[in-house]
Every structure is written in C-alpha cells, then in structure tokens.
Amino acid sequence: MVKVIEILYRGVLLVDILERHAWLHNKDKDKGSSSSRRARMRCHRHFPHHHRKTNASTHRKPITSPLHFAGIALFTFIRVLSHFLKFLRSKSGMEGSSETQYEKSKMDESSSSSSSEDEEELEKELADVTFEELQKARSNGAHAFFQKPNEDQKLKRANKNRPMEASSKKPVPAFREVVQAPKKVIRDPRFESLCGTLDTDGFRKRYNFLFESDLPAEKEALKKELKRYKDPEHIHAIEERLSWIDKQLKPGSAKHIDSKILANHKKKEREAAKQGKRPFYIKKSEIRKQRLIEKYKDLKSSGKLESFVEKRRRRNAAKDHKYMPYRRSGDSME
C-alpha cells in the first residue's frame, strides 16, 4: 500500500512539472531565447540538487488549468492518506508490542510451571531409588554437585535434662562428664535466716574466753616463732596475724566503746521503763560525746593525758598554720 502511494505521489509531481514546462514553452515563443534560459532555470529550481537564484521578474504566474487542479487535489489526498497510514502503523506496532509482552509472560509462566512439574516428577522417581544406586551414579561424576561445607553450629538439646549432642567428627576427650552434674552452690551459713541476726554483745559474752585466754596465748607463740624463722614470706604472714590479734584485743577501739555505751544506756532505760517513764533513744552525737568522756577518763587514770593533749595541740596548730597569711616579699619590716 505504501509503495502504491509513493508511485501516485511521484506521478503528481511529474504532472506538475509537465504543466509548468508546457506553460514556459508557450511563453518562450513570444519572448525569445533569453526567456527560454530563464524558464529552464525555473524548471531546475524544482529539483533538490539545484540551488540557483532567480530574479523577481522571472516569477511564474499561477496555472489555472483543470489538470493542474486535479493533480494538486490528488497530491493533498495522498499526503493525508499517508499520514493516516503512518498513524495506524504506529498504533498497530504498540498493540503488537503489548501482545508480544503478554505472550512472553505467558511463555515464562508455562515454562516455570513445566519446570516445577519436571522437578516433582524427578523427586517421585528418585524417592524409589535405593542408596546403592545413588552411590553408583555419583561415583562416575555425572551427577556431581557442589556441596557447601557444614559450618560449626552450636549444639543444642531438646530438654535441659537430656545430655548434650556431640559431633561424631570430633575426637572424644579422655575425661568428660557423661551425665552432667548439678551446679555447685556455695552457701555461707552466717548470712542465712536460720542462723538469726548478728548480736555483737551476745557474741562477745559467749566467746569471751577467746579474748581472755586463747588470743593472748596465740600472740605469745607467734612472737617466739617470729624470732626463729628467717623466710620473708613466713615472717610477713606472722606479722599480719599479730596485727589482727592486737586489733581484736584492743580495749579502747571505737566499736567496743560504742557497744559499752549502748549497753549501759539500755540498762538505764529498762529501769526507767519499770518505773513508768517513757523510753529515750540516744543519738549518735551523744554516743560520740560519751566516747570522748570515756577516753578522757582512761587517759587520766593511765597518766597519758598531758602527752595526748600536747599532740592534739600541735596537730591543731599545724592545721591553723596553713590558713595563716604569709608576709609579702615587698613589705618592709617596721
């Protein structure tokens, strides 16, 4: 169809050229040879490979013959028809491309369904094959495939009371627990509720024999042993033990004094409660005051009060000396 349209289009152009040539030939008879040259130039102007300029005086007049009008009408009809055919061709191409895509998708679906059916058939066939036949097929390498190495996975157990699964590829150690023993729980009876609460005064009363006889005897034995040994590690251990015994036997420690003060206060409050008085709970500041009074009495009885007061005075003077202003280097002595 397109070729027919092209042939008709060329025919219209040829008719137009012939009409122009006939008009120019008739005009050349009247004007002579100079006009015939100009007519040839006008004729060559219609061809694309000629680009010659012409004067304004040589411009041709419009042709009003019926053959020329018929050719122009046919030419416009052919141009419109060609554009319409191009539009139809592009539309049919788009529809064809969509149809081809749909056909391709249908083909892919059919191929995937066929491949899945083939795989199912192969699985059914291989389900009945024995292990020996599979090994023979793999021995020649025809059905070899790449196998991923088994990574080390954490062995688990289905239940906490069951034994742990062990890998057969790892050697079994010489000593291992076949049945896992329960976890060892270390318990300290001192901090259990069955033993009750700690009573320091009662402990001191019940185990007073340790502080009166056992610990002093151990201290004397350690002093004799310290003179006999020369090993530095052994000497260091003996010295640590002696320092611990001295702390336990020291009567003037803050804890012992506070416990005595509290015990005396409780006795007085019990007697007052029997008489119908309300109880009075001693404060920590009062305990500190009573401790200083007891310390003063002990120092005065032992005759060390003056030396203690002198040491305390020097210590306080050194503290006050830090806050005293210094004399500047520029100040002059008056």
Protein backbone atom coordinates (compact mmCIF):
# COMPACT_ATOMS: atom_id res chain seq x y z
CA MET A 1 0.00 0.00 0.00
CA VAL A 2 2.81 2.39 0.84
CA LYS A 3 4.54 1.69 -2.48
CA VAL A 4 1.32 2.49 -4.36
CA ILE A 5 1.05 5.81 -2.53
CA GLU A 6 4.66 6.66 -3.37
CA ILE A 7 4.06 5.91 -7.08
CA LEU A 8 0.98 8.16 -7.12
CA TYR A 9 2.89 10.92 -5.38
CA ARG A 10 5.65 10.76 -8.00
CA GLY A 11 3.03 10.84 -10.75
CA VAL A 12 1.52 14.04 -9.33
CA LEU A 13 4.95 15.68 -9.25
CA LEU A 14 5.57 14.64 -12.87
CA VAL A 15 2.23 16.12 -13.98
CA ASP A 16 3.07 19.37 -12.23
CA ILE A 17 6.47 19.55 -13.94
CA LEU A 18 4.96 18.84 -17.37
CA GLU A 19 2.33 21.57 -16.91
CA ARG A 20 4.99 24.07 -15.97
CA HIS A 21 7.17 23.03 -18.91
CA ALA A 22 4.28 23.49 -21.37
CA TRP A 23 3.49 26.95 -19.98
CA LEU A 24 7.12 28.01 -20.23
CA HIS A 25 7.40 26.66 -23.78
CA ASN A 26 4.43 28.78 -24.90
CA LYS A 27 5.91 31.82 -23.20
CA ASP A 28 9.31 31.34 -24.86
CA LYS A 29 7.77 31.54 -28.30
CA ASP A 30 6.65 35.10 -27.55
CA LYS A 31 9.79 36.44 -25.81
CA GLY A 32 12.69 34.68 -27.47
CA SER A 33 15.79 32.81 -26.37
CA SER A 34 16.57 34.89 -23.24
CA SER A 35 13.25 33.95 -21.70
CA SER A 36 13.78 30.29 -22.54
CA ARG A 37 17.01 30.33 -20.47
CA ARG A 38 15.15 31.82 -17.53
CA ALA A 39 12.40 29.21 -17.95
CA ARG A 40 14.99 26.44 -17.78
CA MET A 41 16.31 27.98 -14.57
CA ARG A 42 12.78 27.97 -13.08
CA CYS A 43 12.39 24.33 -14.12
CA HIS A 44 15.68 23.39 -12.42
CA ARG A 45 14.55 25.11 -9.24
CA HIS A 46 12.10 22.28 -8.50
CA PHE A 47 14.88 19.71 -8.16
CA PRO A 48 16.67 19.49 -4.72
CA HIS A 49 20.24 19.32 -6.07
CA HIS A 50 19.99 22.70 -7.76
CA HIS A 51 20.16 25.91 -5.64
CA ARG A 52 20.28 28.67 -8.23
CA LYS A 53 18.88 32.14 -7.57
CA THR A 54 16.30 33.75 -9.93
CA ASN A 55 15.18 37.33 -10.38
CA ALA A 56 11.82 38.59 -9.18
CA SER A 57 10.82 39.46 -12.76
CA THR A 58 11.01 35.83 -13.83
CA HIS A 59 8.47 34.62 -11.22
CA ARG A 60 5.90 32.38 -12.93
CA LYS A 61 2.19 33.05 -12.94
CA PRO A 62 -0.24 30.64 -11.30
CA ILE A 63 -1.61 27.87 -13.57
CA THR A 64 -5.37 27.61 -13.66
CA SER A 65 -5.81 24.57 -15.92
CA PRO A 66 -8.18 21.75 -14.70
CA LEU A 67 -5.40 19.15 -14.97
CA HIS A 68 -3.24 21.13 -12.56
CA PHE A 69 -6.07 21.47 -10.02
CA ALA A 70 -6.75 17.74 -10.25
CA GLY A 71 -3.09 16.98 -9.60
CA ILE A 72 -3.00 19.27 -6.54
CA ALA A 73 -6.15 17.68 -5.10
CA LEU A 74 -4.76 14.20 -5.69
CA PHE A 75 -1.48 15.24 -4.08
CA THR A 76 -3.17 16.55 -0.90
CA PHE A 77 -5.35 13.43 -0.69
CA ILE A 78 -2.29 11.20 -0.95
CA ARG A 79 -0.44 13.18 1.75
CA VAL A 80 -3.37 12.92 4.16
CA LEU A 81 -3.72 9.22 3.40
CA SER A 82 0.00 8.63 4.02
CA HIS A 83 -0.16 10.37 7.42
CA PHE A 84 -3.22 8.33 8.36
CA LEU A 85 -1.45 5.10 7.39
CA LYS A 86 1.59 6.05 9.49
CA PHE A 87 -0.68 6.64 12.50
CA LEU A 88 -2.34 3.25 12.03
CA ARG A 89 1.04 1.53 11.66
CA SER A 90 2.38 3.07 14.91
CA LYS A 91 -0.79 2.10 16.78
CA SER A 92 -0.66 -1.45 15.48
CA GLY A 93 3.03 -1.64 16.50
CA MET A 94 2.21 -0.63 20.08
CA GLU A 95 -0.58 -3.16 20.28
CA GLY A 96 1.72 -5.79 18.83
CA SER A 97 4.44 -4.99 21.39
CA SER A 98 1.95 -5.29 24.28
CA GLU A 99 0.69 -8.55 22.80
CA THR A 100 4.25 -9.85 22.49
CA GLN A 101 4.99 -8.93 26.12
CA TYR A 102 1.83 -10.69 27.25
CA GLU A 103 2.80 -13.72 25.18
CA LYS A 104 6.31 -13.69 26.69
CA SER A 105 4.92 -13.57 30.24
CA LYS A 106 2.58 -16.45 29.42
CA MET A 107 5.51 -18.39 27.99
CA ASP A 108 7.58 -17.76 31.15
CA GLU A 109 4.73 -18.91 33.37
CA SER A 110 4.22 -22.00 31.31
CA SER A 111 7.97 -22.76 31.34
CA SER A 112 8.19 -22.28 35.14
CA SER A 113 5.14 -24.49 35.69
CA SER A 114 6.59 -27.11 33.37
CA SER A 115 9.97 -26.97 35.19
CA SER A 116 8.24 -27.36 38.58
CA GLU A 117 6.28 -30.32 37.21
CA ASP A 118 9.52 -31.84 35.92
CA GLU A 119 11.16 -31.40 39.33
CA GLU A 120 8.21 -33.06 41.05
CA GLU A 121 8.41 -35.97 38.64
CA LEU A 122 12.16 -36.32 39.28
CA GLU A 123 11.61 -36.29 43.05
CA LYS A 124 8.98 -39.01 42.72
CA GLU A 125 11.35 -41.09 40.61
CA LEU A 126 14.28 -40.60 43.00
CA ALA A 127 12.17 -41.47 46.03
CA ASP A 128 12.08 -45.12 44.97
CA VAL A 129 15.79 -45.29 44.09
CA THR A 130 17.96 -47.19 46.57
CA PHE A 131 21.03 -45.75 48.26
CA GLU A 132 23.41 -48.10 46.38
CA GLU A 133 22.12 -46.94 43.00
CA LEU A 134 22.61 -43.31 44.01
CA GLN A 135 26.20 -44.01 45.08
CA LYS A 136 26.92 -45.72 41.75
CA ALA A 137 25.50 -42.76 39.84
CA ARG A 138 27.65 -40.33 41.83
CA SER A 139 30.83 -42.41 41.55
CA ASN A 140 31.34 -41.64 37.84
CA GLY A 141 30.95 -37.87 38.44
CA ALA A 142 27.96 -37.45 36.12
CA HIS A 143 25.69 -36.21 38.90
CA ALA A 144 28.28 -34.36 40.97
CA PHE A 145 27.23 -31.09 42.55
CA PHE A 146 28.81 -28.52 44.81
CA GLN A 147 28.15 -29.08 48.48
CA LYS A 148 28.59 -26.26 50.97
CA PRO A 149 30.82 -27.07 53.94
CA ASN A 150 28.93 -27.64 57.14
CA GLU A 151 29.68 -24.69 59.41
CA ASP A 152 30.23 -25.23 63.10
CA GLN A 153 26.81 -24.94 64.64
CA LYS A 154 26.10 -24.66 68.32
CA LEU A 155 24.92 -28.00 69.61
CA LYS A 156 21.57 -27.80 71.34
CA ARG A 157 19.44 -30.09 73.42
CA ALA A 158 15.72 -30.70 73.22
CA ASN A 159 15.38 -30.62 77.01
CA LYS A 160 17.64 -29.31 79.77
CA ASN A 161 17.65 -32.73 81.47
CA ARG A 162 18.83 -34.54 78.34
CA PRO A 163 22.52 -34.97 77.52
CA MET A 164 24.24 -32.62 75.10
CA GLU A 165 24.58 -33.75 71.49
CA ALA A 166 28.21 -34.34 70.48
CA SER A 167 29.63 -34.25 66.96
CA SER A 168 30.92 -37.59 65.64
CA LYS A 169 33.70 -35.85 63.68
CA LYS A 170 35.45 -34.52 66.79
CA PRO A 171 37.53 -36.86 68.97
CA VAL A 172 36.10 -37.69 72.37
CA PRO A 173 38.26 -36.39 75.26
CA ALA A 174 39.70 -38.81 77.77
CA PHE A 175 37.84 -37.29 80.72
CA ARG A 176 34.37 -35.96 80.19
CA GLU A 177 31.11 -35.83 82.10
CA VAL A 178 28.70 -38.37 80.65
CA VAL A 179 25.92 -37.21 82.96
CA GLN A 180 26.10 -33.53 83.73
CA ALA A 181 26.35 -32.92 87.45
CA PRO A 182 24.18 -30.24 89.07
CA LYS A 183 25.72 -26.83 89.58
CA LYS A 184 27.68 -26.43 92.80
CA VAL A 185 26.11 -23.80 95.01
CA ILE A 186 28.36 -22.34 97.69
CA ARG A 187 26.45 -21.37 100.83
CA ASP A 188 27.57 -19.35 103.81
CA PRO A 189 25.59 -20.18 106.99
CA ARG A 190 26.42 -16.82 108.55
CA PHE A 191 24.11 -15.00 106.15
CA GLU A 192 21.17 -17.42 106.27
CA SER A 193 17.90 -16.63 108.00
CA LEU A 194 18.05 -19.87 110.03
CA CYS A 195 21.07 -18.61 111.95
CA GLY A 196 19.28 -15.46 113.12
CA THR A 197 20.60 -11.90 113.30
CA LEU A 198 24.05 -10.84 114.50
CA ASP A 199 24.31 -9.83 118.15
CA THR A 200 27.74 -8.33 118.86
CA ASP A 201 27.21 -8.04 122.61
CA GLY A 202 25.99 -11.61 122.90
CA PHE A 203 28.88 -12.83 120.74
CA ARG A 204 31.38 -11.04 122.98
CA LYS A 205 29.83 -12.58 126.08
CA ARG A 206 29.56 -16.11 124.70
CA TYR A 207 33.08 -16.19 123.26
CA ASN A 208 34.79 -14.12 125.91
CA PHE A 209 37.22 -16.98 126.61
CA LEU A 210 38.80 -16.38 123.22
CA PHE A 211 39.67 -12.79 124.09
CA GLU A 212 40.85 -13.61 127.61
CA SER A 213 42.96 -16.77 127.12
CA ASP A 214 43.22 -18.12 123.55
CA LEU A 215 44.18 -14.99 121.59
CA PRO A 216 46.83 -13.78 124.12
CA ALA A 217 48.40 -17.27 124.18
CA GLU A 218 48.48 -17.36 120.36
CA LYS A 219 50.11 -13.92 120.34
CA GLU A 220 52.97 -15.07 122.59
CA ALA A 221 53.55 -18.19 120.49
CA LEU A 222 53.70 -16.15 117.28
CA LYS A 223 56.25 -13.77 118.78
CA LYS A 224 58.55 -16.70 119.63
CA GLU A 225 58.05 -18.17 116.15
CA LEU A 226 58.88 -14.81 114.53
CA LYS A 227 62.36 -14.85 116.13
CA ARG A 228 63.05 -18.39 114.94
CA TYR A 229 62.15 -18.10 111.19
CA LYS A 230 64.08 -16.18 108.51
CA ASP A 231 61.85 -16.74 105.48
CA PRO A 232 60.43 -13.29 104.48
CA GLU A 233 57.09 -14.70 103.29
CA HIS A 234 56.57 -16.64 106.52
CA ILE A 235 57.58 -13.61 108.61
CA HIS A 236 55.11 -11.41 106.69
CA ALA A 237 52.25 -13.88 107.35
CA ILE A 238 53.09 -13.97 111.10
CA GLU A 239 53.15 -10.16 111.29
CA GLU A 240 49.72 -9.90 109.65
CA ARG A 241 48.30 -12.41 112.14
CA LEU A 242 49.80 -10.48 115.08
CA SER A 243 48.30 -7.20 113.87
CA TRP A 244 44.85 -8.82 113.61
CA ILE A 245 45.13 -10.20 117.19
CA ASP A 246 46.14 -6.76 118.51
CA LYS A 247 43.05 -5.19 116.91
CA GLN A 248 40.78 -7.81 118.49
CA LEU A 249 42.35 -7.44 121.95
CA LYS A 250 42.49 -3.65 121.89
CA PRO A 251 40.03 -2.49 124.57
CA GLY A 252 39.87 1.16 123.52
CA SER A 253 38.59 0.62 119.97
CA ALA A 254 35.67 2.76 118.83
CA LYS A 255 33.35 -0.21 118.27
CA HIS A 256 33.94 -1.63 121.74
CA ILE A 257 33.44 1.73 123.42
CA ASP A 258 30.23 2.39 121.45
CA SER A 259 28.87 -1.04 122.34
CA LYS A 260 29.58 -0.42 126.05
CA ILE A 261 27.87 2.98 125.93
CA LEU A 262 24.78 1.50 124.24
CA ALA A 263 24.66 -1.39 126.73
CA ASN A 264 24.78 0.99 129.73
CA HIS A 265 22.10 3.21 128.14
CA LYS A 266 19.79 0.22 127.56
CA LYS A 267 20.14 -0.86 131.19
CA LYS A 268 19.17 2.61 132.40
CA GLU A 269 16.19 2.75 130.02
CA ARG A 270 14.91 -0.64 131.17
CA GLU A 271 14.98 0.51 134.81
CA ALA A 272 13.21 3.75 133.84
CA ALA A 273 10.55 1.80 131.89
CA LYS A 274 9.84 -0.29 135.00
CA GLN A 275 9.15 2.94 136.88
CA GLY A 276 6.67 4.01 134.17
CA LYS A 277 8.85 6.51 132.32
CA ARG A 278 8.93 6.87 128.53
CA PRO A 279 11.99 5.42 126.71
CA PHE A 280 14.70 7.74 125.39
CA TYR A 281 16.69 6.75 122.31
CA ILE A 282 20.26 8.01 122.32
CA LYS A 283 21.63 9.89 119.29
CA LYS A 284 24.94 9.33 117.51
CA SER A 285 26.19 12.73 118.64
CA GLU A 286 25.55 11.73 122.27
CA ILE A 287 27.45 8.48 121.68
CA ARG A 288 30.45 10.48 120.38
CA LYS A 289 30.39 12.73 123.45
CA GLN A 290 30.26 9.75 125.80
CA ARG A 291 33.16 8.18 123.88
CA LEU A 292 35.33 11.28 124.40
CA ILE A 293 34.46 11.33 128.12
CA GLU A 294 35.44 7.66 128.48
CA LYS A 295 38.69 8.29 126.60
CA TYR A 296 39.50 11.25 128.88
CA LYS A 297 38.93 9.14 131.99
CA ASP A 298 41.17 6.32 130.68
CA LEU A 299 44.00 8.74 129.78
CA LYS A 300 43.79 10.48 133.14
CA SER A 301 43.91 7.19 135.03
CA SER A 302 46.92 5.97 132.99
CA GLY A 303 48.81 9.32 133.28
CA LYS A 304 48.96 9.93 129.49
CA LEU A 305 46.57 12.84 129.43
CA GLU A 306 49.21 15.61 129.16
CA SER A 307 51.09 13.95 126.27
CA PHE A 308 47.82 13.35 124.42
CA VAL A 309 46.74 16.98 124.86
CA GLU A 310 50.15 18.23 123.65
CA LYS A 311 49.98 16.10 120.50
CA ARG A 312 46.47 17.29 119.78
CA ARG A 313 47.54 20.94 120.30
CA ARG A 314 50.46 20.62 117.85
CA ARG A 315 48.21 18.96 115.27
CA ASN A 316 45.63 21.74 115.51
CA ALA A 317 48.36 24.40 115.29
CA ALA A 318 49.70 22.84 112.08
CA LYS A 319 46.21 22.91 110.59
CA ASP A 320 45.74 26.57 111.56
CA HIS A 321 49.17 27.46 110.16
CA LYS A 322 48.01 26.53 106.65
CA TYR A 323 45.38 29.26 106.72
CA MET A 324 47.68 31.97 108.19
CA PRO A 325 48.58 34.80 105.72
CA TYR A 326 52.23 34.96 104.63
CA ARG A 327 54.27 38.15 104.57
CA ARG A 328 54.89 39.55 101.12
CA SER A 329 58.44 39.90 99.81
CA GLY A 330 57.98 43.63 99.10
CA ASP A 331 56.77 44.52 102.61
CA SER A 332 59.42 46.16 104.82
CA MET A 333 59.93 45.36 108.47
CA GLU A 334 58.82 48.19 110.75
